[in-house]
Amino acid sequence: MKNIKIALLLVFVLILASCKEEVEKPKVIYDNSNKDKPFTKMDSTQVAIADLPIQMEGTDYLIHPVADLRVYERGTKSRYGSSSVIDLSFTISNYGENEITGYLQNLKFQKINSDSIRALSDKPVLIQTATYLSGIAERTKNKIMVYTLFDLDSNRDGKLDSSDIKSLYLSEISGKKFTKISVNFQELIDWNLIESQNRLYFRTVEDTNKNGQFDKNDVVHYNYIDLSRNDWEVKSYDPI
């Protein structure tokens, strides 16, 4: 009985160690010889598809979400044993009020009454949200999209996914002027629009101790952009 208790205790310790190791997996791996260069391997076996186009109200552009075809494997049981069934999901995005969400490889923009379609980015990205600022368009006539996305393989595992650093981008409604607003290797925490000031506020956190994690010992940066201007200059402020 004593041996069984000891064995169970060892198993418990191993489970805790495994969980701790998983939690402490670095989000950033620094390469001193090339630490500012994105490192991404694209999976050539994936099949890209597009959802049907979306038109934001008050704009004259169609937006085509593009991503990899989603393949799911689910197990089934029968009298002859278990087997697996492959399911395909041809829906790659969701559309809510002025916002497209998903895990998208790109967005394609097409002006109404034109056959020309242009890509938002010519570099590997994984777009999580794309939001049209309709209120800013009404106030300033500047039609702007805001994106949260992953643009570099910060943990060096050979792929872009949600375990990498999240970044903030802007573009015009045409997809042109695609611009990174956050700083490389700073994790986007959140962003908020104050329409009365035409300002986009956002926070990022910097891994100042270079331990590969974002924690309480790191520095939070506070920034805003005046969207009534065309230069999209990032200004810092200190609310603390």
C-alpha atoms as a PDB file:
ATOM      1  CA  MET A   1       0.000   0.000   0.000  1.00  0.00           C
ATOM      2  CA  LYS A   2       2.884   2.338   0.859  1.00  0.00           C
ATOM      3  CA  ASN A   3       4.511   1.682  -2.513  1.00  0.00           C
ATOM      4  CA  ILE A   4       1.256   2.528  -4.284  1.00  0.00           C
ATOM      5  CA  LYS A   5       1.038   5.862  -2.446  1.00  0.00           C
ATOM      6  CA  ILE A   6       4.636   6.698  -3.358  1.00  0.00           C
ATOM      7  CA  ALA A   7       3.992   5.807  -7.007  1.00  0.00           C
ATOM      8  CA  LEU A   8       0.864   8.004  -7.083  1.00  0.00           C
ATOM      9  CA  LEU A   9       2.809  10.870  -5.488  1.00  0.00           C
ATOM     10  CA  LEU A  10       5.528  10.575  -8.135  1.00  0.00           C
ATOM     11  CA  VAL A  11       2.934  10.620 -10.909  1.00  0.00           C
ATOM     12  CA  PHE A  12       1.349  13.743  -9.395  1.00  0.00           C
ATOM     13  CA  VAL A  13       4.731  15.490  -9.196  1.00  0.00           C
ATOM     14  CA  LEU A  14       5.478  14.611 -12.824  1.00  0.00           C
ATOM     15  CA  ILE A  15       2.092  15.997 -13.919  1.00  0.00           C
ATOM     16  CA  LEU A  16       2.727  19.250 -12.051  1.00  0.00           C
ATOM     17  CA  ALA A  17       6.191  19.535 -13.601  1.00  0.00           C
ATOM     18  CA  SER A  18       4.755  18.926 -17.046  1.00  0.00           C
ATOM     19  CA  CYS A  19       2.072  21.606 -16.551  1.00  0.00           C
ATOM     20  CA  LYS A  20       4.657  24.069 -15.268  1.00  0.00           C
ATOM     21  CA  GLU A  21       6.867  23.413 -18.270  1.00  0.00           C
ATOM     22  CA  GLU A  22       3.924  24.035 -20.609  1.00  0.00           C
ATOM     23  CA  VAL A  23       2.998  27.321 -18.880  1.00  0.00           C
ATOM     24  CA  GLU A  24       6.562  28.583 -18.956  1.00  0.00           C
ATOM     25  CA  LYS A  25       7.081  27.901 -22.644  1.00  0.00           C
ATOM     26  CA  PRO A  26       8.675  31.108 -24.009  1.00  0.00           C
ATOM     27  CA  LYS A  27       6.505  33.298 -26.209  1.00  0.00           C
ATOM     28  CA  VAL A  28       9.633  34.966 -27.580  1.00  0.00           C
ATOM     29  CA  ILE A  29      12.907  33.292 -28.473  1.00  0.00           C
ATOM     30  CA  TYR A  30      15.660  35.805 -29.139  1.00  0.00           C
ATOM     31  CA  ASP A  31      18.271  35.234 -31.813  1.00  0.00           C
ATOM     32  CA  ASN A  32      21.031  37.778 -31.272  1.00  0.00           C
ATOM     33  CA  SER A  33      22.266  37.455 -34.831  1.00  0.00           C
ATOM     34  CA  ASN A  34      18.860  38.056 -36.378  1.00  0.00           C
ATOM     35  CA  LYS A  35      16.395  39.005 -33.636  1.00  0.00           C
ATOM     36  CA  ASP A  36      14.416  41.593 -35.614  1.00  0.00           C
ATOM     37  CA  LYS A  37      13.813  39.512 -38.722  1.00  0.00           C
ATOM     38  CA  PRO A  38      10.550  37.539 -39.007  1.00  0.00           C
ATOM     39  CA  PHE A  39      11.072  33.808 -39.341  1.00  0.00           C
ATOM     40  CA  THR A  40       8.160  31.901 -40.806  1.00  0.00           C
ATOM     41  CA  LYS A  41       7.804  28.651 -42.712  1.00  0.00           C
ATOM     42  CA  MET A  42       4.617  28.449 -44.763  1.00  0.00           C
ATOM     43  CA  ASP A  43       2.886  25.086 -45.076  1.00  0.00           C
ATOM     44  CA  SER A  44       2.684  24.440 -48.809  1.00  0.00           C
ATOM     45  CA  THR A  45       0.331  21.475 -48.307  1.00  0.00           C
ATOM     46  CA  GLN A  46      -2.557  23.691 -47.157  1.00  0.00           C
ATOM     47  CA  VAL A  47      -5.337  24.627 -49.586  1.00  0.00           C
ATOM     48  CA  ALA A  48      -6.391  28.281 -49.531  1.00  0.00           C
ATOM     49  CA  ILE A  49     -10.030  29.233 -50.069  1.00  0.00           C
ATOM     50  CA  ALA A  50     -12.004  32.481 -49.825  1.00  0.00           C
ATOM     51  CA  ASP A  51     -15.330  33.280 -48.206  1.00  0.00           C
ATOM     52  CA  LEU A  52     -17.921  35.252 -50.135  1.00  0.00           C
ATOM     53  CA  PRO A  53     -17.115  38.985 -50.213  1.00  0.00           C
ATOM     54  CA  ILE A  54     -18.182  41.451 -47.544  1.00  0.00           C
ATOM     55  CA  GLN A  55     -19.026  45.117 -48.078  1.00  0.00           C
ATOM     56  CA  MET A  56     -18.766  47.447 -45.106  1.00  0.00           C
ATOM     57  CA  GLU A  57     -21.707  49.847 -45.024  1.00  0.00           C
ATOM     58  CA  GLY A  58     -20.900  53.195 -46.603  1.00  0.00           C
ATOM     59  CA  THR A  59     -17.862  51.937 -48.516  1.00  0.00           C
ATOM     60  CA  ASP A  60     -17.302  51.078 -52.169  1.00  0.00           C
ATOM     61  CA  TYR A  61     -14.997  48.086 -51.650  1.00  0.00           C
ATOM     62  CA  LEU A  62     -15.609  44.367 -51.391  1.00  0.00           C
ATOM     63  CA  ILE A  63     -13.438  42.448 -48.917  1.00  0.00           C
ATOM     64  CA  HIS A  64     -12.637  38.780 -49.626  1.00  0.00           C
ATOM     65  CA  PRO A  65     -11.406  36.831 -46.527  1.00  0.00           C
ATOM     66  CA  VAL A  66      -8.778  34.211 -47.451  1.00  0.00           C
ATOM     67  CA  ALA A  67      -7.571  31.322 -45.279  1.00  0.00           C
ATOM     68  CA  ASP A  68      -6.688  27.639 -45.344  1.00  0.00           C
ATOM     69  CA  LEU A  69      -9.415  25.056 -45.765  1.00  0.00           C
ATOM     70  CA  ARG A  70     -10.294  23.699 -42.332  1.00  0.00           C
ATOM     71  CA  VAL A  71     -10.086  19.935 -41.924  1.00  0.00           C
ATOM     72  CA  TYR A  72     -11.412  18.203 -38.799  1.00  0.00           C
ATOM     73  CA  GLU A  73     -11.028  14.563 -37.836  1.00  0.00           C
ATOM     74  CA  ARG A  74     -13.618  13.106 -35.497  1.00  0.00           C
ATOM     75  CA  GLY A  75     -13.807   9.599 -34.104  1.00  0.00           C
ATOM     76  CA  THR A  76     -16.875   7.400 -34.506  1.00  0.00           C
ATOM     77  CA  LYS A  77     -17.823   4.072 -32.989  1.00  0.00           C
ATOM     78  CA  SER A  78     -19.671   1.200 -34.599  1.00  0.00           C
ATOM     79  CA  ARG A  79     -20.237  -2.482 -33.955  1.00  0.00           C
ATOM     80  CA  TYR A  80     -17.044  -3.172 -35.906  1.00  0.00           C
ATOM     81  CA  GLY A  81     -14.898  -0.833 -33.780  1.00  0.00           C
ATOM     82  CA  SER A  82     -13.839   2.790 -33.909  1.00  0.00           C
ATOM     83  CA  SER A  83     -13.004   4.792 -37.026  1.00  0.00           C
ATOM     84  CA  SER A  84     -12.375   8.380 -38.017  1.00  0.00           C
ATOM     85  CA  VAL A  85     -14.346  10.672 -40.289  1.00  0.00           C
ATOM     86  CA  ILE A  86     -12.899  13.703 -42.039  1.00  0.00           C
ATOM     87  CA  ASP A  87     -15.049  16.849 -41.938  1.00  0.00           C
ATOM     88  CA  LEU A  88     -14.407  19.926 -44.053  1.00  0.00           C
ATOM     89  CA  SER A  89     -15.414  23.447 -43.034  1.00  0.00           C
ATOM     90  CA  PHE A  90     -15.629  25.830 -45.959  1.00  0.00           C
ATOM     91  CA  THR A  91     -16.457  28.784 -43.691  1.00  0.00           C
ATOM     92  CA  ILE A  92     -13.257  30.531 -42.656  1.00  0.00           C
ATOM     93  CA  SER A  93     -14.504  33.822 -41.182  1.00  0.00           C
ATOM     94  CA  ASN A  94     -17.304  35.425 -39.218  1.00  0.00           C
ATOM     95  CA  TYR A  95     -18.814  38.837 -39.843  1.00  0.00           C
ATOM     96  CA  GLY A  96     -20.363  41.028 -37.174  1.00  0.00           C
ATOM     97  CA  GLU A  97     -21.007  44.740 -36.941  1.00  0.00           C
ATOM     98  CA  ASN A  98     -18.222  46.252 -39.082  1.00  0.00           C
ATOM     99  CA  GLU A  99     -15.829  43.473 -38.032  1.00  0.00           C
ATOM    100  CA  ILE A 100     -14.432  40.333 -39.662  1.00  0.00           C
ATOM    101  CA  THR A 101     -12.997  37.691 -37.328  1.00  0.00           C
ATOM    102  CA  GLY A 102     -11.182  34.401 -37.859  1.00  0.00           C
ATOM    103  CA  TYR A 103      -7.659  33.177 -38.456  1.00  0.00           C
ATOM    104  CA  LEU A 104      -7.111  34.526 -41.951  1.00  0.00           C
ATOM    105  CA  GLN A 105      -4.036  34.332 -44.161  1.00  0.00           C
ATOM    106  CA  ASN A 106      -5.012  37.494 -46.030  1.00  0.00           C
ATOM    107  CA  LEU A 107      -7.769  39.845 -47.118  1.00  0.00           C
ATOM    108  CA  LYS A 108      -8.349  40.748 -50.760  1.00  0.00           C
ATOM    109  CA  PHE A 109      -9.866  44.127 -51.700  1.00  0.00           C
ATOM    110  CA  GLN A 110     -11.930  44.827 -54.800  1.00  0.00           C
ATOM    111  CA  LYS A 111     -13.449  48.165 -55.728  1.00  0.00           C
ATOM    112  CA  ILE A 112     -17.077  48.073 -56.796  1.00  0.00           C
ATOM    113  CA  ASN A 113     -17.466  47.771 -60.605  1.00  0.00           C
ATOM    114  CA  SER A 114     -13.823  46.671 -60.975  1.00  0.00           C
ATOM    115  CA  ASP A 115     -12.377  43.246 -61.733  1.00  0.00           C
ATOM    116  CA  SER A 116      -9.057  44.089 -60.086  1.00  0.00           C
ATOM    117  CA  ILE A 117      -8.394  42.428 -56.712  1.00  0.00           C
ATOM    118  CA  ARG A 118      -5.401  43.355 -54.530  1.00  0.00           C
ATOM    119  CA  ALA A 119      -4.034  41.640 -51.436  1.00  0.00           C
ATOM    120  CA  LEU A 120      -3.736  43.423 -48.115  1.00  0.00           C
ATOM    121  CA  SER A 121      -0.290  41.944 -47.370  1.00  0.00           C
ATOM    122  CA  ASP A 122       2.447  40.427 -49.505  1.00  0.00           C
ATOM    123  CA  LYS A 123       4.084  38.894 -46.410  1.00  0.00           C
ATOM    124  CA  PRO A 124       2.907  36.020 -44.194  1.00  0.00           C
ATOM    125  CA  VAL A 125       0.348  37.180 -41.605  1.00  0.00           C
ATOM    126  CA  LEU A 126      -2.411  35.590 -39.546  1.00  0.00           C
ATOM    127  CA  ILE A 127      -5.287  38.053 -39.167  1.00  0.00           C
ATOM    128  CA  GLN A 128      -7.496  37.661 -36.093  1.00  0.00           C
ATOM    129  CA  THR A 129      -9.750  40.725 -36.438  1.00  0.00           C
ATOM    130  CA  ALA A 130     -10.362  43.354 -39.120  1.00  0.00           C
ATOM    131  CA  THR A 131     -12.537  46.261 -37.972  1.00  0.00           C
ATOM    132  CA  TYR A 132     -13.932  49.136 -40.032  1.00  0.00           C
ATOM    133  CA  LEU A 133     -14.120  52.412 -38.098  1.00  0.00           C
ATOM    134  CA  SER A 134     -17.442  53.664 -39.459  1.00  0.00           C
ATOM    135  CA  GLY A 135     -17.786  56.388 -36.816  1.00  0.00           C
ATOM    136  CA  ILE A 136     -14.402  57.868 -37.739  1.00  0.00           C
ATOM    137  CA  ALA A 137     -15.403  57.768 -41.415  1.00  0.00           C
ATOM    138  CA  GLU A 138     -18.548  59.779 -40.667  1.00  0.00           C
ATOM    139  CA  ARG A 139     -16.658  62.355 -38.582  1.00  0.00           C
ATOM    140  CA  THR A 140     -13.457  62.774 -40.596  1.00  0.00           C
ATOM    141  CA  LYS A 141     -14.150  61.148 -44.006  1.00  0.00           C
ATOM    142  CA  ASN A 142     -11.097  58.953 -43.349  1.00  0.00           C
ATOM    143  CA  LYS A 143     -12.110  55.350 -44.026  1.00  0.00           C
ATOM    144  CA  ILE A 144      -9.802  53.211 -41.908  1.00  0.00           C
ATOM    145  CA  MET A 145      -9.488  49.509 -41.046  1.00  0.00           C
ATOM    146  CA  VAL A 146      -7.872  48.262 -37.813  1.00  0.00           C
ATOM    147  CA  TYR A 147      -6.282  44.808 -37.650  1.00  0.00           C
ATOM    148  CA  THR A 148      -5.064  42.589 -34.844  1.00  0.00           C
ATOM    149  CA  LEU A 149      -2.778  39.935 -36.280  1.00  0.00           C
ATOM    150  CA  PHE A 150       0.351  37.839 -35.948  1.00  0.00           C
ATOM    151  CA  ASP A 151       3.155  38.820 -38.319  1.00  0.00           C
ATOM    152  CA  LEU A 152       6.288  37.101 -37.020  1.00  0.00           C
ATOM    153  CA  ASP A 153       7.122  33.708 -35.607  1.00  0.00           C
ATOM    154  CA  SER A 154       8.276  35.055 -32.243  1.00  0.00           C
ATOM    155  CA  ASN A 155       8.613  31.657 -30.535  1.00  0.00           C
ATOM    156  CA  ARG A 156      10.472  30.149 -33.503  1.00  0.00           C
ATOM    157  CA  ASP A 157       8.318  27.032 -33.863  1.00  0.00           C
ATOM    158  CA  GLY A 158       8.088  27.408 -37.649  1.00  0.00           C
ATOM    159  CA  LYS A 159       4.498  28.696 -37.861  1.00  0.00           C
ATOM    160  CA  LEU A 160       2.301  31.700 -37.224  1.00  0.00           C
ATOM    161  CA  ASP A 161      -0.365  31.103 -34.593  1.00  0.00           C
ATOM    162  CA  SER A 162      -1.896  32.595 -31.455  1.00  0.00           C
ATOM    163  CA  SER A 163       1.153  31.597 -29.385  1.00  0.00           C
ATOM    164  CA  ASP A 164       3.167  34.290 -31.191  1.00  0.00           C
ATOM    165  CA  ILE A 165       3.185  38.029 -30.447  1.00  0.00           C
ATOM    166  CA  LYS A 166       0.028  39.895 -31.461  1.00  0.00           C
ATOM    167  CA  SER A 167       0.449  43.157 -33.395  1.00  0.00           C
ATOM    168  CA  LEU A 168      -1.708  46.146 -34.375  1.00  0.00           C
ATOM    169  CA  TYR A 169      -2.027  47.432 -37.953  1.00  0.00           C
ATOM    170  CA  LEU A 170      -4.034  50.050 -39.859  1.00  0.00           C
ATOM    171  CA  SER A 171      -4.956  50.419 -43.520  1.00  0.00           C
ATOM    172  CA  GLU A 172      -7.229  52.437 -45.732  1.00  0.00           C
ATOM    173  CA  ILE A 173     -10.549  50.822 -46.718  1.00  0.00           C
ATOM    174  CA  SER A 174      -8.952  49.943 -50.056  1.00  0.00           C
ATOM    175  CA  GLY A 175      -6.333  47.812 -48.268  1.00  0.00           C
ATOM    176  CA  LYS A 176      -3.643  50.313 -49.228  1.00  0.00           C
ATOM    177  CA  LYS A 177      -1.296  51.960 -46.717  1.00  0.00           C
ATOM    178  CA  PHE A 178      -1.092  48.743 -44.672  1.00  0.00           C
ATOM    179  CA  THR A 179       0.946  49.985 -41.700  1.00  0.00           C
ATOM    180  CA  LYS A 180       2.216  48.398 -38.506  1.00  0.00           C
ATOM    181  CA  ILE A 181       1.379  50.601 -35.524  1.00  0.00           C
ATOM    182  CA  SER A 182       2.746  48.543 -32.640  1.00  0.00           C
ATOM    183  CA  VAL A 183       6.470  47.957 -32.129  1.00  0.00           C
ATOM    184  CA  ASN A 184       8.195  44.693 -33.044  1.00  0.00           C
ATOM    185  CA  PHE A 185       8.423  42.275 -30.088  1.00  0.00           C
ATOM    186  CA  GLN A 186       5.848  44.225 -28.074  1.00  0.00           C
ATOM    187  CA  GLU A 187       2.641  42.285 -27.393  1.00  0.00           C
ATOM    188  CA  LEU A 188      -0.630  44.085 -28.112  1.00  0.00           C
ATOM    189  CA  ILE A 189      -2.813  44.037 -24.981  1.00  0.00           C
ATOM    190  CA  ASP A 190      -5.887  45.840 -26.314  1.00  0.00           C
ATOM    191  CA  TRP A 191      -7.110  48.873 -28.236  1.00  0.00           C
ATOM    192  CA  ASN A 192     -10.010  51.263 -27.834  1.00  0.00           C
ATOM    193  CA  LEU A 193     -11.578  53.958 -29.990  1.00  0.00           C
ATOM    194  CA  ILE A 194     -12.551  57.349 -28.524  1.00  0.00           C
ATOM    195  CA  GLU A 195     -14.664  58.814 -31.306  1.00  0.00           C
ATOM    196  CA  SER A 196     -15.155  62.207 -29.639  1.00  0.00           C
ATOM    197  CA  GLN A 197     -11.402  62.787 -29.993  1.00  0.00           C
ATOM    198  CA  ASN A 198     -10.893  60.777 -33.204  1.00  0.00           C
ATOM    199  CA  ARG A 199      -8.289  58.820 -31.279  1.00  0.00           C
ATOM    200  CA  LEU A 200      -7.294  55.172 -31.295  1.00  0.00           C
ATOM    201  CA  TYR A 201      -5.761  54.232 -27.943  1.00  0.00           C
ATOM    202  CA  PHE A 202      -3.780  51.032 -27.476  1.00  0.00           C
ATOM    203  CA  ARG A 203      -1.511  49.285 -24.958  1.00  0.00           C
ATOM    204  CA  THR A 204       1.453  47.015 -25.519  1.00  0.00           C
ATOM    205  CA  VAL A 205       3.793  45.189 -23.174  1.00  0.00           C
ATOM    206  CA  GLU A 206       7.554  44.882 -23.695  1.00  0.00           C
ATOM    207  CA  ASP A 207       9.603  41.930 -22.499  1.00  0.00           C
ATOM    208  CA  THR A 208      12.169  44.204 -20.852  1.00  0.00           C
ATOM    209  CA  ASN A 209      13.884  41.459 -18.852  1.00  0.00           C
ATOM    210  CA  LYS A 210      14.170  39.308 -22.000  1.00  0.00           C
ATOM    211  CA  ASN A 211      12.975  36.110 -20.335  1.00  0.00           C
ATOM    212  CA  GLY A 212      10.726  35.258 -23.277  1.00  0.00           C
ATOM    213  CA  GLN A 213       7.504  35.846 -21.298  1.00  0.00           C
ATOM    214  CA  PHE A 214       5.240  38.822 -20.692  1.00  0.00           C
ATOM    215  CA  ASP A 215       4.779  39.195 -16.945  1.00  0.00           C
ATOM    216  CA  LYS A 216       4.406  41.731 -14.118  1.00  0.00           C
ATOM    217  CA  ASN A 217       8.089  42.631 -14.295  1.00  0.00           C
ATOM    218  CA  ASP A 218       7.788  43.952 -17.848  1.00  0.00           C
ATOM    219  CA  VAL A 219       6.876  47.469 -19.010  1.00  0.00           C
ATOM    220  CA  VAL A 220       3.457  48.454 -20.366  1.00  0.00           C
ATOM    221  CA  HIS A 221       3.430  51.165 -23.051  1.00  0.00           C
ATOM    222  CA  TYR A 222       0.441  53.491 -23.567  1.00  0.00           C
ATOM    223  CA  ASN A 223      -0.105  55.042 -27.006  1.00  0.00           C
ATOM    224  CA  TYR A 224      -2.666  56.804 -29.164  1.00  0.00           C
ATOM    225  CA  ILE A 225      -3.100  57.916 -32.781  1.00  0.00           C
ATOM    226  CA  ASP A 226      -5.088  60.907 -34.040  1.00  0.00           C
ATOM    227  CA  LEU A 227      -7.117  59.346 -36.862  1.00  0.00           C
ATOM    228  CA  SER A 228      -8.192  62.723 -38.228  1.00  0.00           C
ATOM    229  CA  ARG A 229      -4.636  63.093 -39.502  1.00  0.00           C
ATOM    230  CA  ASN A 230      -3.213  61.150 -42.431  1.00  0.00           C
ATOM    231  CA  ASP A 231       0.252  60.472 -41.018  1.00  0.00           C
ATOM    232  CA  TRP A 232      -0.962  58.009 -38.305  1.00  0.00           C
ATOM    233  CA  GLU A 233       1.747  59.206 -35.942  1.00  0.00           C
ATOM    234  CA  VAL A 234       1.955  57.118 -32.764  1.00  0.00           C
ATOM    235  CA  LYS A 235       2.166  59.245 -29.607  1.00  0.00           C
ATOM    236  CA  SER A 236       2.920  57.886 -26.156  1.00  0.00           C
ATOM    237  CA  TYR A 237       1.319  59.039 -22.915  1.00  0.00           C
ATOM    238  CA  ASP A 238       1.733  58.158 -19.235  1.00  0.00           C
ATOM    239  CA  PRO A 239      -1.498  57.644 -17.247  1.00  0.00           C
ATOM    240  CA  ILE A 240       0.305  56.156 -14.226  1.00  0.00           C
END
